[in-house]
Amino acid sequence: MRIKPCDNGIRISAIIQPRSSKNEAKGVYNDALKIRLTSPPVDGEANKACMRFFAKWLGISPSKVSIIQGLSSKNKIIEVTDLTEKQFHEILKTKNLLK
């Protein structure tokens, strides 16, 4: 999975699947974290839901999560401030998404 350190945290590649039956992180797919969301990709609703879900999933404040690339695409780069690559790997292990 592509995780890159940046000035104030990390950047993660993600694939978003809108209009799913539930909100969940499904695992790693094509070097990106696959996130399923119930909201439709209309008027930025899926992007807002993605940032809220991802923050809750990581156990951090939503203000620390932003989409920096791919606002109109299912392929996104998500930046998380105040989180290290090591901490993110630990979260993935805890949630059984890292093999």
PDB file of N, CA and C in Angstrom:
ATOM      1  N   MET A   1       0.840  -1.171   0.000  1.00  0.00           N
ATOM      2  CA  MET A   1       0.000   0.000   0.000  1.00  0.00           C
ATOM      3  C   MET A   1       0.888   1.238   0.000  1.00  0.00           C
ATOM      4  N   ARG A   2       0.473   2.243  -0.754  1.00  0.00           N
ATOM      5  CA  ARG A   2       1.257   3.475  -0.844  1.00  0.00           C
ATOM      6  C   ARG A   2       0.944   4.408   0.319  1.00  0.00           C
ATOM      7  N   ILE A   3       1.943   4.587   1.161  1.00  0.00           N
ATOM      8  CA  ILE A   3       1.863   5.535   2.275  1.00  0.00           C
ATOM      9  C   ILE A   3       3.118   6.387   2.185  1.00  0.00           C
ATOM     10  N   LYS A   4       2.934   7.690   2.054  1.00  0.00           N
ATOM     11  CA  LYS A   4       4.088   8.581   1.940  1.00  0.00           C
ATOM     12  C   LYS A   4       4.086   9.575   3.094  1.00  0.00           C
ATOM     13  N   PRO A   5       5.244   9.723   3.743  1.00  0.00           N
ATOM     14  CA  PRO A   5       5.327  10.758   4.767  1.00  0.00           C
ATOM     15  C   PRO A   5       5.289  12.138   4.105  1.00  0.00           C
ATOM     16  N   CYS A   6       4.724  13.108   4.786  1.00  0.00           N
ATOM     17  CA  CYS A   6       4.727  14.494   4.314  1.00  0.00           C
ATOM     18  C   CYS A   6       5.096  15.383   5.494  1.00  0.00           C
ATOM     19  N   ASP A   7       5.125  16.673   5.271  1.00  0.00           N
ATOM     20  CA  ASP A   7       5.591  17.613   6.299  1.00  0.00           C
ATOM     21  C   ASP A   7       4.931  17.424   7.653  1.00  0.00           C
ATOM     22  N   ASN A   8       3.627  17.223   7.661  1.00  0.00           N
ATOM     23  CA  ASN A   8       2.916  17.196   8.943  1.00  0.00           C
ATOM     24  C   ASN A   8       2.172  15.893   9.204  1.00  0.00           C
ATOM     25  N   GLY A   9       2.475  14.828   8.469  1.00  0.00           N
ATOM     26  CA  GLY A   9       1.778  13.557   8.674  1.00  0.00           C
ATOM     27  C   GLY A   9       2.088  12.569   7.560  1.00  0.00           C
ATOM     28  N   ILE A  10       1.029  11.940   7.043  1.00  0.00           N
ATOM     29  CA  ILE A  10       1.201  10.958   5.966  1.00  0.00           C
ATOM     30  C   ILE A  10       0.146  11.172   4.885  1.00  0.00           C
ATOM     31  N   ARG A  11       0.427  10.624   3.711  1.00  0.00           N
ATOM     32  CA  ARG A  11      -0.526  10.624   2.599  1.00  0.00           C
ATOM     33  C   ARG A  11      -0.761   9.179   2.190  1.00  0.00           C
ATOM     34  N   ILE A  12      -2.035   8.848   2.028  1.00  0.00           N
ATOM     35  CA  ILE A  12      -2.452   7.475   1.773  1.00  0.00           C
ATOM     36  C   ILE A  12      -3.241   7.423   0.476  1.00  0.00           C
ATOM     37  N   SER A  13      -2.953   6.424  -0.347  1.00  0.00           N
ATOM     38  CA  SER A  13      -3.762   6.195  -1.543  1.00  0.00           C
ATOM     39  C   SER A  13      -5.022   5.439  -1.140  1.00  0.00           C
ATOM     40  N   ALA A  14      -6.159   5.873  -1.666  1.00  0.00           N
ATOM     41  CA  ALA A  14      -7.428   5.220  -1.331  1.00  0.00           C
ATOM     42  C   ALA A  14      -8.303   5.098  -2.573  1.00  0.00           C
ATOM     43  N   ILE A  15      -9.082   4.050  -2.602  1.00  0.00           N
ATOM     44  CA  ILE A  15     -10.097   3.856  -3.638  1.00  0.00           C
ATOM     45  C   ILE A  15     -11.443   3.901  -2.919  1.00  0.00           C
ATOM     46  N   ILE A  16     -12.305   4.795  -3.374  1.00  0.00           N
ATOM     47  CA  ILE A  16     -13.600   4.985  -2.731  1.00  0.00           C
ATOM     48  C   ILE A  16     -14.694   4.332  -3.563  1.00  0.00           C
ATOM     49  N   GLN A  17     -15.536   3.546  -2.917  1.00  0.00           N
ATOM     50  CA  GLN A  17     -16.682   2.931  -3.572  1.00  0.00           C
ATOM     51  C   GLN A  17     -17.948   3.516  -2.948  1.00  0.00           C
ATOM     52  N   PRO A  18     -18.579   4.483  -3.642  1.00  0.00           N
ATOM     53  CA  PRO A  18     -19.802   5.087  -3.100  1.00  0.00           C
ATOM     54  C   PRO A  18     -21.013   4.164  -3.263  1.00  0.00           C
ATOM     55  N   ARG A  19     -22.115   4.543  -2.644  1.00  0.00           N
ATOM     56  CA  ARG A  19     -23.387   3.802  -2.714  1.00  0.00           C
ATOM     57  C   ARG A  19     -23.259   2.341  -2.300  1.00  0.00           C
ATOM     58  N   SER A  20     -22.480   2.089  -1.264  1.00  0.00           N
ATOM     59  CA  SER A  20     -22.343   0.732  -0.730  1.00  0.00           C
ATOM     60  C   SER A  20     -23.408   0.486   0.324  1.00  0.00           C
ATOM     61  N   SER A  21     -23.507  -0.739   0.764  1.00  0.00           N
ATOM     62  CA  SER A  21     -24.509  -1.070   1.772  1.00  0.00           C
ATOM     63  C   SER A  21     -24.123  -0.569   3.158  1.00  0.00           C
ATOM     64  N   LYS A  22     -22.802  -0.370   3.402  1.00  0.00           N
ATOM     65  CA  LYS A  22     -22.359   0.165   4.688  1.00  0.00           C
ATOM     66  C   LYS A  22     -21.011   0.857   4.535  1.00  0.00           C
ATOM     67  N   ASN A  23     -20.683   1.683   5.506  1.00  0.00           N
ATOM     68  CA  ASN A  23     -19.384   2.356   5.535  1.00  0.00           C
ATOM     69  C   ASN A  23     -18.364   1.406   6.151  1.00  0.00           C
ATOM     70  N   GLU A  24     -17.275   1.149   5.415  1.00  0.00           N
ATOM     71  CA  GLU A  24     -16.238   0.266   5.944  1.00  0.00           C
ATOM     72  C   GLU A  24     -14.952   0.397   5.142  1.00  0.00           C
ATOM     73  N   ALA A  25     -13.844   0.107   5.810  1.00  0.00           N
ATOM     74  CA  ALA A  25     -12.562  -0.036   5.128  1.00  0.00           C
ATOM     75  C   ALA A  25     -12.462  -1.516   4.794  1.00  0.00           C
ATOM     76  N   LYS A  26     -12.357  -1.815   3.523  1.00  0.00           N
ATOM     77  CA  LYS A  26     -12.471  -3.206   3.073  1.00  0.00           C
ATOM     78  C   LYS A  26     -11.135  -3.919   2.989  1.00  0.00           C
ATOM     79  N   GLY A  27     -10.036  -3.187   2.915  1.00  0.00           N
ATOM     80  CA  GLY A  27      -8.729  -3.817   2.803  1.00  0.00           C
ATOM     81  C   GLY A  27      -7.893  -3.109   1.755  1.00  0.00           C
ATOM     82  N   VAL A  28      -6.799  -3.743   1.362  1.00  0.00           N
ATOM     83  CA  VAL A  28      -5.899  -3.157   0.386  1.00  0.00           C
ATOM     84  C   VAL A  28      -6.204  -3.749  -0.987  1.00  0.00           C
ATOM     85  N   TYR A  29      -6.357  -2.859  -1.965  1.00  0.00           N
ATOM     86  CA  TYR A  29      -6.682  -3.252  -3.332  1.00  0.00           C
ATOM     87  C   TYR A  29      -5.853  -2.386  -4.276  1.00  0.00           C
ATOM     88  N   ASN A  30      -5.046  -3.004  -5.140  1.00  0.00           N
ATOM     89  CA  ASN A  30      -4.188  -2.262  -6.085  1.00  0.00           C
ATOM     90  C   ASN A  30      -3.356  -1.183  -5.396  1.00  0.00           C
ATOM     91  N   ASP A  31      -2.686  -1.538  -4.321  1.00  0.00           N
ATOM     92  CA  ASP A  31      -1.813  -0.609  -3.587  1.00  0.00           C
ATOM     93  C   ASP A  31      -2.538   0.552  -2.928  1.00  0.00           C
ATOM     94  N   ALA A  32      -3.824   0.424  -2.698  1.00  0.00           N
ATOM     95  CA  ALA A  32      -4.593   1.501  -2.063  1.00  0.00           C
ATOM     96  C   ALA A  32      -5.568   0.890  -1.052  1.00  0.00           C
ATOM     97  N   LEU A  33      -5.932   1.685  -0.063  1.00  0.00           N
ATOM     98  CA  LEU A  33      -6.932   1.254   0.913  1.00  0.00           C
ATOM     99  C   LEU A  33      -8.308   1.422   0.289  1.00  0.00           C
ATOM    100  N   LYS A  34      -9.089   0.350   0.238  1.00  0.00           N
ATOM    101  CA  LYS A  34     -10.430   0.425  -0.334  1.00  0.00           C
ATOM    102  C   LYS A  34     -11.420   0.790   0.764  1.00  0.00           C
ATOM    103  N   ILE A  35     -12.170   1.866   0.514  1.00  0.00           N
ATOM    104  CA  ILE A  35     -13.152   2.354   1.476  1.00  0.00           C
ATOM    105  C   ILE A  35     -14.521   2.349   0.810  1.00  0.00           C
ATOM    106  N   ARG A  36     -15.465   1.674   1.441  1.00  0.00           N
ATOM    107  CA  ARG A  36     -16.843   1.627   0.930  1.00  0.00           C
ATOM    108  C   ARG A  36     -17.689   2.604   1.743  1.00  0.00           C
ATOM    109  N   LEU A  37     -18.481   3.414   1.041  1.00  0.00           N
ATOM    110  CA  LEU A  37     -19.319   4.427   1.689  1.00  0.00           C
ATOM    111  C   LEU A  37     -20.758   4.327   1.213  1.00  0.00           C
ATOM    112  N   THR A  38     -21.692   4.622   2.094  1.00  0.00           N
ATOM    113  CA  THR A  38     -23.109   4.559   1.717  1.00  0.00           C
ATOM    114  C   THR A  38     -23.543   5.774   0.914  1.00  0.00           C
ATOM    115  N   SER A  39     -22.876   6.895   1.065  1.00  0.00           N
ATOM    116  CA  SER A  39     -23.344   8.120   0.398  1.00  0.00           C
ATOM    117  C   SER A  39     -23.048   8.102  -1.104  1.00  0.00           C
ATOM    118  N   PRO A  40     -23.890   8.786  -1.887  1.00  0.00           N
ATOM    119  CA  PRO A  40     -23.700   8.840  -3.335  1.00  0.00           C
ATOM    120  C   PRO A  40     -22.643   9.889  -3.699  1.00  0.00           C
ATOM    121  N   PRO A  41     -22.029   9.753  -4.878  1.00  0.00           N
ATOM    122  CA  PRO A  41     -21.014  10.722  -5.301  1.00  0.00           C
ATOM    123  C   PRO A  41     -21.652  11.974  -5.919  1.00  0.00           C
ATOM    124  N   VAL A  42     -22.461  12.666  -5.140  1.00  0.00           N
ATOM    125  CA  VAL A  42     -23.198  13.836  -5.631  1.00  0.00           C
ATOM    126  C   VAL A  42     -22.861  15.045  -4.755  1.00  0.00           C
ATOM    127  N   ASP A  43     -22.537  16.158  -5.372  1.00  0.00           N
ATOM    128  CA  ASP A  43     -22.268  17.424  -4.673  1.00  0.00           C
ATOM    129  C   ASP A  43     -21.237  17.294  -3.555  1.00  0.00           C
ATOM    130  N   GLY A  44     -20.244  16.440  -3.738  1.00  0.00           N
ATOM    131  CA  GLY A  44     -19.187  16.295  -2.745  1.00  0.00           C
ATOM    132  C   GLY A  44     -19.569  15.515  -1.503  1.00  0.00           C
ATOM    133  N   GLU A  45     -20.768  14.916  -1.496  1.00  0.00           N
ATOM    134  CA  GLU A  45     -21.226  14.186  -0.304  1.00  0.00           C
ATOM    135  C   GLU A  45     -20.328  12.989   0.013  1.00  0.00           C
ATOM    136  N   ALA A  46     -19.894  12.263  -1.011  1.00  0.00           N
ATOM    137  CA  ALA A  46     -19.035  11.100  -0.771  1.00  0.00           C
ATOM    138  C   ALA A  46     -17.675  11.549  -0.214  1.00  0.00           C
ATOM    139  N   ASN A  47     -17.162  12.679  -0.688  1.00  0.00           N
ATOM    140  CA  ASN A  47     -15.890  13.187  -0.157  1.00  0.00           C
ATOM    141  C   ASN A  47     -16.022  13.553   1.312  1.00  0.00           C
ATOM    142  N   LYS A  48     -17.101  14.236   1.679  1.00  0.00           N
ATOM    143  CA  LYS A  48     -17.326  14.603   3.079  1.00  0.00           C
ATOM    144  C   LYS A  48     -17.478  13.340   3.935  1.00  0.00           C
ATOM    145  N   ALA A  49     -18.256  12.388   3.425  1.00  0.00           N
ATOM    146  CA  ALA A  49     -18.457  11.138   4.160  1.00  0.00           C
ATOM    147  C   ALA A  49     -17.139  10.379   4.297  1.00  0.00           C
ATOM    148  N   CYS A  50     -16.320  10.426   3.266  1.00  0.00           N
ATOM    149  CA  CYS A  50     -15.025   9.751   3.294  1.00  0.00           C
ATOM    150  C   CYS A  50     -14.148  10.325   4.405  1.00  0.00           C
ATOM    151  N   MET A  51     -14.054  11.631   4.480  1.00  0.00           N
ATOM    152  CA  MET A  51     -13.207  12.253   5.503  1.00  0.00           C
ATOM    153  C   MET A  51     -13.742  11.981   6.910  1.00  0.00           C
ATOM    154  N   ARG A  52     -15.080  12.055   7.089  1.00  0.00           N
ATOM    155  CA  ARG A  52     -15.678  11.769   8.409  1.00  0.00           C
ATOM    156  C   ARG A  52     -15.434  10.314   8.798  1.00  0.00           C
ATOM    157  N   PHE A  53     -15.719   9.398   7.863  1.00  0.00           N
ATOM    158  CA  PHE A  53     -15.549   7.970   8.155  1.00  0.00           C
ATOM    159  C   PHE A  53     -14.092   7.648   8.471  1.00  0.00           C
ATOM    160  N   PHE A  54     -13.185   8.144   7.637  1.00  0.00           N
ATOM    161  CA  PHE A  54     -11.770   7.810   7.807  1.00  0.00           C
ATOM    162  C   PHE A  54     -11.245   8.327   9.144  1.00  0.00           C
ATOM    163  N   ALA A  55     -11.659   9.535   9.540  1.00  0.00           N
ATOM    164  CA  ALA A  55     -11.249  10.090  10.833  1.00  0.00           C
ATOM    165  C   ALA A  55     -11.766   9.223  11.978  1.00  0.00           C
ATOM    166  N   LYS A  56     -13.033   8.842  11.906  1.00  0.00           N
ATOM    167  CA  LYS A  56     -13.623   7.994  12.947  1.00  0.00           C
ATOM    168  C   LYS A  56     -12.923   6.642  12.985  1.00  0.00           C
ATOM    169  N   TRP A  57     -12.649   6.087  11.811  1.00  0.00           N
ATOM    170  CA  TRP A  57     -11.985   4.789  11.692  1.00  0.00           C
ATOM    171  C   TRP A  57     -10.593   4.834  12.315  1.00  0.00           C
ATOM    172  N   LEU A  58      -9.894   5.972  12.137  1.00  0.00           N
ATOM    173  CA  LEU A  58      -8.555   6.121  12.706  1.00  0.00           C
ATOM    174  C   LEU A  58      -8.589   6.550  14.171  1.00  0.00           C
ATOM    175  N   GLY A  59      -9.756   7.032  14.628  1.00  0.00           N
ATOM    176  CA  GLY A  59      -9.868   7.497  16.001  1.00  0.00           C
ATOM    177  C   GLY A  59      -9.257   8.878  16.202  1.00  0.00           C
ATOM    178  N   ILE A  60      -9.362   9.725  15.190  1.00  0.00           N
ATOM    179  CA  ILE A  60      -8.800  11.074  15.263  1.00  0.00           C
ATOM    180  C   ILE A  60      -9.866  12.115  14.900  1.00  0.00           C
ATOM    181  N   SER A  61      -9.527  13.364  15.071  1.00  0.00           N
ATOM    182  CA  SER A  61     -10.443  14.453  14.735  1.00  0.00           C
ATOM    183  C   SER A  61     -10.599  14.580  13.213  1.00  0.00           C
ATOM    184  N   PRO A  62     -11.830  14.813  12.720  1.00  0.00           N
ATOM    185  CA  PRO A  62     -12.032  14.995  11.278  1.00  0.00           C
ATOM    186  C   PRO A  62     -11.216  16.144  10.686  1.00  0.00           C
ATOM    187  N   SER A  63     -10.834  17.106  11.500  1.00  0.00           N
ATOM    188  CA  SER A  63     -10.040  18.233  10.994  1.00  0.00           C
ATOM    189  C   SER A  63      -8.625  17.808  10.593  1.00  0.00           C
ATOM    190  N   LYS A  64      -8.212  16.611  10.979  1.00  0.00           N
ATOM    191  CA  LYS A  64      -6.871  16.124  10.638  1.00  0.00           C
ATOM    192  C   LYS A  64      -6.859  15.316   9.345  1.00  0.00           C
ATOM    193  N   VAL A  65      -8.017  15.176   8.693  1.00  0.00           N
ATOM    194  CA  VAL A  65      -8.120  14.382   7.460  1.00  0.00           C
ATOM    195  C   VAL A  65      -8.554  15.286   6.314  1.00  0.00           C
ATOM    196  N   SER A  66      -7.833  15.214   5.198  1.00  0.00           N
ATOM    197  CA  SER A  66      -8.234  15.983   4.020  1.00  0.00           C
ATOM    198  C   SER A  66      -7.904  15.214   2.755  1.00  0.00           C
ATOM    199  N   ILE A  67      -8.723  15.416   1.745  1.00  0.00           N
ATOM    200  CA  ILE A  67      -8.476  14.814   0.436  1.00  0.00           C
ATOM    201  C   ILE A  67      -7.685  15.840  -0.358  1.00  0.00           C
ATOM    202  N   ILE A  68      -6.462  15.489  -0.743  1.00  0.00           N
ATOM    203  CA  ILE A  68      -5.626  16.458  -1.437  1.00  0.00           C
ATOM    204  C   ILE A  68      -5.552  16.202  -2.941  1.00  0.00           C
ATOM    205  N   GLN A  69      -6.037  15.050  -3.366  1.00  0.00           N
ATOM    206  CA  GLN A  69      -6.054  14.748  -4.793  1.00  0.00           C
ATOM    207  C   GLN A  69      -7.195  13.784  -5.085  1.00  0.00           C
ATOM    208  N   GLY A  70      -7.892  14.000  -6.215  1.00  0.00           N
ATOM    209  CA  GLY A  70      -8.942  13.085  -6.630  1.00  0.00           C
ATOM    210  C   GLY A  70     -10.327  13.431  -6.132  1.00  0.00           C
ATOM    211  N   LEU A  71     -10.632  14.716  -5.970  1.00  0.00           N
ATOM    212  CA  LEU A  71     -11.947  15.111  -5.461  1.00  0.00           C
ATOM    213  C   LEU A  71     -13.090  14.634  -6.352  1.00  0.00           C
ATOM    214  N   SER A  72     -12.851  14.480  -7.647  1.00  0.00           N
ATOM    215  CA  SER A  72     -13.920  14.023  -8.540  1.00  0.00           C
ATOM    216  C   SER A  72     -13.613  12.634  -9.105  1.00  0.00           C
ATOM    217  N   SER A  73     -12.804  11.874  -8.392  1.00  0.00           N
ATOM    218  CA  SER A  73     -12.407  10.533  -8.832  1.00  0.00           C
ATOM    219  C   SER A  73     -12.583   9.547  -7.688  1.00  0.00           C
ATOM    220  N   LYS A  74     -12.682   8.265  -8.025  1.00  0.00           N
ATOM    221  CA  LYS A  74     -12.743   7.258  -6.964  1.00  0.00           C
ATOM    222  C   LYS A  74     -11.352   7.005  -6.376  1.00  0.00           C
ATOM    223  N   ASN A  75     -10.311   7.359  -7.127  1.00  0.00           N
ATOM    224  CA  ASN A  75      -8.933   7.225  -6.647  1.00  0.00           C
ATOM    225  C   ASN A  75      -8.514   8.528  -5.981  1.00  0.00           C
ATOM    226  N   LYS A  76      -8.169   8.456  -4.708  1.00  0.00           N
ATOM    227  CA  LYS A  76      -7.879   9.655  -3.934  1.00  0.00           C
ATOM    228  C   LYS A  76      -6.553   9.533  -3.200  1.00  0.00           C
ATOM    229  N   ILE A  77      -5.985  10.684  -2.899  1.00  0.00           N
ATOM    230  CA  ILE A  77      -4.856  10.763  -1.980  1.00  0.00           C
ATOM    231  C   ILE A  77      -5.389  11.499  -0.752  1.00  0.00           C
ATOM    232  N   ILE A  78      -5.327  10.825   0.394  1.00  0.00           N
ATOM    233  CA  ILE A  78      -5.837  11.385   1.645  1.00  0.00           C
ATOM    234  C   ILE A  78      -4.649  11.734   2.532  1.00  0.00           C
ATOM    235  N   GLU A  79      -4.648  12.959   3.027  1.00  0.00           N
ATOM    236  CA  GLU A  79      -3.586  13.388   3.938  1.00  0.00           C
ATOM    237  C   GLU A  79      -4.120  13.366   5.362  1.00  0.00           C
ATOM    238  N   VAL A  80      -3.333  12.774   6.246  1.00  0.00           N
ATOM    239  CA  VAL A  80      -3.691  12.702   7.662  1.00  0.00           C
ATOM    240  C   VAL A  80      -2.573  13.383   8.447  1.00  0.00           C
ATOM    241  N   THR A  81      -2.905  14.454   9.150  1.00  0.00           N
ATOM    242  CA  THR A  81      -1.891  15.166   9.927  1.00  0.00           C
ATOM    243  C   THR A  81      -1.720  14.524  11.293  1.00  0.00           C
ATOM    244  N   ASP A  82      -0.524  14.690  11.837  1.00  0.00           N
ATOM    245  CA  ASP A  82      -0.167  14.180  13.170  1.00  0.00           C
ATOM    246  C   ASP A  82      -0.283  12.665  13.292  1.00  0.00           C
ATOM    247  N   LEU A  83      -0.008  11.953  12.193  1.00  0.00           N
ATOM    248  CA  LEU A  83      -0.006  10.488  12.217  1.00  0.00           C
ATOM    249  C   LEU A  83       1.232  10.028  11.460  1.00  0.00           C
ATOM    250  N   THR A  84       1.965   9.073  12.026  1.00  0.00           N
ATOM    251  CA  THR A  84       3.160   8.567  11.356  1.00  0.00           C
ATOM    252  C   THR A  84       2.817   7.301  10.572  1.00  0.00           C
ATOM    253  N   GLU A  85       3.717   6.949   9.688  1.00  0.00           N
ATOM    254  CA  GLU A  85       3.546   5.723   8.905  1.00  0.00           C
ATOM    255  C   GLU A  85       3.477   4.511   9.842  1.00  0.00           C
ATOM    256  N   LYS A  86       4.313   4.507  10.858  1.00  0.00           N
ATOM    257  CA  LYS A  86       4.330   3.405  11.822  1.00  0.00           C
ATOM    258  C   LYS A  86       2.987   3.302  12.549  1.00  0.00           C
ATOM    259  N   GLN A  87       2.451   4.446  13.002  1.00  0.00           N
ATOM    260  CA  GLN A  87       1.157   4.442  13.692  1.00  0.00           C
ATOM    261  C   GLN A  87       0.052   3.924  12.768  1.00  0.00           C
ATOM    262  N   PHE A  88       0.096   4.321  11.498  1.00  0.00           N
ATOM    263  CA  PHE A  88      -0.920   3.873  10.547  1.00  0.00           C
ATOM    264  C   PHE A  88      -0.825   2.367  10.322  1.00  0.00           C
ATOM    265  N   HIS A  89       0.401   1.845  10.212  1.00  0.00           N
ATOM    266  CA  HIS A  89       0.574   0.390  10.062  1.00  0.00           C
ATOM    267  C   HIS A  89       0.031  -0.358  11.274  1.00  0.00           C
ATOM    268  N   GLU A  90       0.224   0.207  12.463  1.00  0.00           N
ATOM    269  CA  GLU A  90      -0.306  -0.421  13.678  1.00  0.00           C
ATOM    270  C   GLU A  90      -1.836  -0.463  13.649  1.00  0.00           C
ATOM    271  N   ILE A  91      -2.449   0.608  13.178  1.00  0.00           N
ATOM    272  CA  ILE A  91      -3.915   0.641  13.062  1.00  0.00           C
ATOM    273  C   ILE A  91      -4.381  -0.424  12.082  1.00  0.00           C
ATOM    274  N   LEU A  92      -3.697  -0.534  10.939  1.00  0.00           N
ATOM    275  CA  LEU A  92      -4.055  -1.568   9.957  1.00  0.00           C
ATOM    276  C   LEU A  92      -3.934  -2.973  10.546  1.00  0.00           C
ATOM    277  N   LYS A  93      -2.872  -3.202  11.304  1.00  0.00           N
ATOM    278  CA  LYS A  93      -2.683  -4.522  11.941  1.00  0.00           C
ATOM    279  C   LYS A  93      -3.805  -4.801  12.929  1.00  0.00           C
ATOM    280  N   THR A  94      -4.148  -3.798  13.755  1.00  0.00           N
ATOM    281  CA  THR A  94      -5.204  -3.932  14.764  1.00  0.00           C
ATOM    282  C   THR A  94      -6.539  -4.280  14.112  1.00  0.00           C
ATOM    283  N   LYS A  95      -6.780  -3.708  12.935  1.00  0.00           N
ATOM    284  CA  LYS A  95      -8.056  -3.924  12.242  1.00  0.00           C
ATOM    285  C   LYS A  95      -7.974  -5.090  11.241  1.00  0.00           C
ATOM    286  N   ASN A  96      -6.887  -5.868  11.322  1.00  0.00           N
ATOM    287  CA  ASN A  96      -6.673  -7.050  10.473  1.00  0.00           C
ATOM    288  C   ASN A  96      -6.735  -6.735   8.977  1.00  0.00           C
ATOM    289  N   LEU A  97      -6.199  -5.566   8.581  1.00  0.00           N
ATOM    290  CA  LEU A  97      -6.180  -5.219   7.170  1.00  0.00           C
ATOM    291  C   LEU A  97      -4.778  -5.285   6.581  1.00  0.00           C
ATOM    292  N   LEU A  98      -3.792  -5.606   7.406  1.00  0.00           N
ATOM    293  CA  LEU A  98      -2.419  -5.705   6.935  1.00  0.00           C
ATOM    294  C   LEU A  98      -1.980  -7.149   7.036  1.00  0.00           C
ATOM    295  N   LYS A  99      -1.507  -7.669   5.927  1.00  0.00           N
ATOM    296  CA  LYS A  99      -1.105  -9.075   5.914  1.00  0.00           C
ATOM    297  C   LYS A  99       0.375  -9.207   6.071  1.00  0.00           C
TER     298      LYS A  99
END
